[in-house]
Amino acid sequence: ESLGIDLIKVVDSRVIEVRKGLQDNNKKAGSLKKNIESSYKALDSSLNKYQRSHNDQESAKTKYEEGEVDGSDSRNDVLKLKDIFVTKTRENDDSKGHYANQLGQTNKDQEV
């Protein structure tokens, strides 16, 4: 009888331990899921910003090149277009860097 009681106590103890482990794992899984979802959302956002920035840069480049070739714009207007193009290029480079960093972070989050 005492062996049966000891076995029951051991089994009960193990059941409690396993349940606690399951609860901890569920909490960790929920946390990891939230983390990866927020990482995907940030990646999507940075990709959209990069694409928008790239389109703005291409538009500024086209306007600048047309202004130079056209000849109907004053030299000051062409210089303004060039300044806008340079600014858009810098913004695009920043957006590209931010996107690359976020992509690296998302990849790191996926490895966990």
C-alpha atoms as a PDB file:
ATOM      1  CA  GLU A   1       0.000   0.000   0.000  1.00  0.00           C
ATOM      2  CA  SER A   2       2.690   2.479   0.919  1.00  0.00           C
ATOM      3  CA  LEU A   3       4.410   1.817  -2.425  1.00  0.00           C
ATOM      4  CA  GLY A   4       1.150   2.632  -4.240  1.00  0.00           C
ATOM      5  CA  ILE A   5       0.742   5.842  -2.250  1.00  0.00           C
ATOM      6  CA  ASP A   6       4.346   6.836  -2.964  1.00  0.00           C
ATOM      7  CA  LEU A   7       3.847   6.169  -6.675  1.00  0.00           C
ATOM      8  CA  ILE A   8       0.677   8.253  -6.722  1.00  0.00           C
ATOM      9  CA  LYS A   9       2.506  11.121  -5.013  1.00  0.00           C
ATOM     10  CA  VAL A  10       5.374  10.884  -7.521  1.00  0.00           C
ATOM     11  CA  VAL A  11       2.947  10.808 -10.456  1.00  0.00           C
ATOM     12  CA  ASP A  12       0.944  13.733  -9.056  1.00  0.00           C
ATOM     13  CA  SER A  13       4.137  15.685  -8.532  1.00  0.00           C
ATOM     14  CA  ARG A  14       5.244  14.951 -12.093  1.00  0.00           C
ATOM     15  CA  VAL A  15       1.838  15.932 -13.493  1.00  0.00           C
ATOM     16  CA  ILE A  16       2.008  19.281 -11.677  1.00  0.00           C
ATOM     17  CA  GLU A  17       5.545  19.818 -12.983  1.00  0.00           C
ATOM     18  CA  VAL A  18       4.549  19.033 -16.566  1.00  0.00           C
ATOM     19  CA  ARG A  19       1.483  21.297 -16.386  1.00  0.00           C
ATOM     20  CA  LYS A  20       3.631  24.156 -15.117  1.00  0.00           C
ATOM     21  CA  GLY A  21       6.076  23.504 -17.960  1.00  0.00           C
ATOM     22  CA  LEU A  22       3.234  23.574 -20.481  1.00  0.00           C
ATOM     23  CA  GLN A  23       1.949  26.871 -19.099  1.00  0.00           C
ATOM     24  CA  ASP A  24       5.428  28.374 -19.304  1.00  0.00           C
ATOM     25  CA  ASN A  25       5.861  27.129 -22.861  1.00  0.00           C
ATOM     26  CA  ASN A  26       2.467  28.548 -23.859  1.00  0.00           C
ATOM     27  CA  LYS A  27       3.442  31.935 -22.415  1.00  0.00           C
ATOM     28  CA  LYS A  28       6.760  31.851 -24.286  1.00  0.00           C
ATOM     29  CA  ALA A  29       5.023  30.830 -27.506  1.00  0.00           C
ATOM     30  CA  GLY A  30       2.545  33.702 -27.157  1.00  0.00           C
ATOM     31  CA  SER A  31       5.361  36.145 -26.525  1.00  0.00           C
ATOM     32  CA  LEU A  32       7.355  34.882 -29.515  1.00  0.00           C
ATOM     33  CA  LYS A  33       4.254  35.057 -31.707  1.00  0.00           C
ATOM     34  CA  LYS A  34       3.610  38.680 -30.722  1.00  0.00           C
ATOM     35  CA  ASN A  35       7.263  39.512 -31.301  1.00  0.00           C
ATOM     36  CA  ILE A  36       7.402  37.984 -34.783  1.00  0.00           C
ATOM     37  CA  GLU A  37       4.081  39.573 -35.758  1.00  0.00           C
ATOM     38  CA  SER A  38       5.316  43.010 -34.708  1.00  0.00           C
ATOM     39  CA  SER A  39       8.569  42.353 -36.540  1.00  0.00           C
ATOM     40  CA  TYR A  40       6.671  41.445 -39.730  1.00  0.00           C
ATOM     41  CA  LYS A  41       4.539  44.568 -39.348  1.00  0.00           C
ATOM     42  CA  ALA A  42       7.631  46.757 -38.925  1.00  0.00           C
ATOM     43  CA  LEU A  43       9.248  45.069 -41.935  1.00  0.00           C
ATOM     44  CA  ASP A  44       6.168  45.693 -44.062  1.00  0.00           C
ATOM     45  CA  SER A  45       6.074  49.319 -42.940  1.00  0.00           C
ATOM     46  CA  SER A  46       9.747  49.892 -43.714  1.00  0.00           C
ATOM     47  CA  LEU A  47       9.341  48.207 -47.103  1.00  0.00           C
ATOM     48  CA  ASN A  48       6.423  50.518 -47.953  1.00  0.00           C
ATOM     49  CA  LYS A  49       8.460  53.561 -46.877  1.00  0.00           C
ATOM     50  CA  TYR A  50      11.392  52.392 -48.961  1.00  0.00           C
ATOM     51  CA  GLN A  51       9.213  51.816 -52.030  1.00  0.00           C
ATOM     52  CA  ARG A  52       7.561  55.210 -51.617  1.00  0.00           C
ATOM     53  CA  SER A  53      10.966  56.847 -51.168  1.00  0.00           C
ATOM     54  CA  HIS A  54      12.323  55.070 -54.232  1.00  0.00           C
ATOM     55  CA  ASN A  55       9.365  56.222 -56.328  1.00  0.00           C
ATOM     56  CA  ASP A  56       9.837  59.802 -55.084  1.00  0.00           C
ATOM     57  CA  GLN A  57      13.513  59.647 -55.992  1.00  0.00           C
ATOM     58  CA  GLU A  58      12.772  58.303 -59.471  1.00  0.00           C
ATOM     59  CA  SER A  59      10.190  61.028 -60.007  1.00  0.00           C
ATOM     60  CA  ALA A  60      12.632  63.724 -58.873  1.00  0.00           C
ATOM     61  CA  LYS A  61      15.330  62.261 -61.126  1.00  0.00           C
ATOM     62  CA  THR A  62      13.005  62.293 -64.113  1.00  0.00           C
ATOM     63  CA  LYS A  63      11.963  65.905 -63.469  1.00  0.00           C
ATOM     64  CA  TYR A  64      15.578  66.984 -63.066  1.00  0.00           C
ATOM     65  CA  GLU A  65      16.704  65.237 -66.245  1.00  0.00           C
ATOM     66  CA  GLU A  66      13.763  66.671 -68.188  1.00  0.00           C
ATOM     67  CA  GLY A  67      14.542  70.134 -66.839  1.00  0.00           C
ATOM     68  CA  GLU A  68      18.157  69.873 -67.965  1.00  0.00           C
ATOM     69  CA  VAL A  69      17.348  68.559 -71.420  1.00  0.00           C
ATOM     70  CA  ASP A  70      14.257  70.698 -72.041  1.00  0.00           C
ATOM     71  CA  GLY A  71      15.988  74.044 -71.791  1.00  0.00           C
ATOM     72  CA  SER A  72      12.749  75.906 -71.079  1.00  0.00           C
ATOM     73  CA  ASP A  73      13.470  76.072 -67.339  1.00  0.00           C
ATOM     74  CA  SER A  74      15.789  78.684 -65.898  1.00  0.00           C
ATOM     75  CA  ARG A  75      19.144  77.586 -64.510  1.00  0.00           C
ATOM     76  CA  ASN A  76      17.882  78.311 -60.983  1.00  0.00           C
ATOM     77  CA  ASP A  77      14.878  76.066 -61.522  1.00  0.00           C
ATOM     78  CA  VAL A  78      17.145  73.292 -62.778  1.00  0.00           C
ATOM     79  CA  LEU A  79      19.374  73.721 -59.707  1.00  0.00           C
ATOM     80  CA  LYS A  80      16.311  73.504 -57.459  1.00  0.00           C
ATOM     81  CA  LEU A  81      15.267  70.308 -59.239  1.00  0.00           C
ATOM     82  CA  LYS A  82      18.788  68.944 -58.758  1.00  0.00           C
ATOM     83  CA  ASP A  83      18.685  69.803 -55.037  1.00  0.00           C
ATOM     84  CA  ILE A  84      15.342  68.041 -54.713  1.00  0.00           C
ATOM     85  CA  PHE A  85      16.763  65.022 -56.534  1.00  0.00           C
ATOM     86  CA  VAL A  86      19.820  64.907 -54.243  1.00  0.00           C
ATOM     87  CA  THR A  87      17.597  65.211 -51.167  1.00  0.00           C
ATOM     88  CA  LYS A  88      15.304  62.441 -52.399  1.00  0.00           C
ATOM     89  CA  THR A  89      18.341  60.258 -53.100  1.00  0.00           C
ATOM     90  CA  ARG A  90      19.560  60.715 -49.517  1.00  0.00           C
ATOM     91  CA  GLU A  91      16.106  59.955 -48.153  1.00  0.00           C
ATOM     92  CA  ASN A  92      15.971  56.847 -50.338  1.00  0.00           C
ATOM     93  CA  ASP A  93      19.362  55.692 -49.074  1.00  0.00           C
ATOM     94  CA  ASP A  94      18.186  56.198 -45.478  1.00  0.00           C
ATOM     95  CA  SER A  95      14.995  54.258 -46.171  1.00  0.00           C
ATOM     96  CA  LYS A  96      16.971  51.481 -47.825  1.00  0.00           C
ATOM     97  CA  GLY A  97      19.269  51.247 -44.795  1.00  0.00           C
ATOM     98  CA  HIS A  98      16.330  51.199 -42.402  1.00  0.00           C
ATOM     99  CA  TYR A  99      14.665  48.478 -44.468  1.00  0.00           C
ATOM    100  CA  ALA A 100      17.873  46.415 -44.521  1.00  0.00           C
ATOM    101  CA  ASN A 101      18.210  46.733 -40.735  1.00  0.00           C
ATOM    102  CA  GLN A 102      14.597  45.718 -40.209  1.00  0.00           C
ATOM    103  CA  LEU A 103      15.023  42.774 -42.561  1.00  0.00           C
ATOM    104  CA  GLY A 104      18.020  41.620 -40.529  1.00  0.00           C
ATOM    105  CA  GLN A 105      16.060  42.012 -37.302  1.00  0.00           C
ATOM    106  CA  THR A 106      13.109  40.075 -38.721  1.00  0.00           C
ATOM    107  CA  ASN A 107      15.415  37.278 -39.858  1.00  0.00           C
ATOM    108  CA  LYS A 108      16.944  37.179 -36.376  1.00  0.00           C
ATOM    109  CA  ASP A 109      13.473  37.030 -34.807  1.00  0.00           C
ATOM    110  CA  GLN A 110      12.562  34.099 -37.071  1.00  0.00           C
ATOM    111  CA  GLU A 111      15.579  32.110 -35.892  1.00  0.00           C
ATOM    112  CA  VAL A 112      14.322  32.070 -32.295  1.00  0.00           C
END
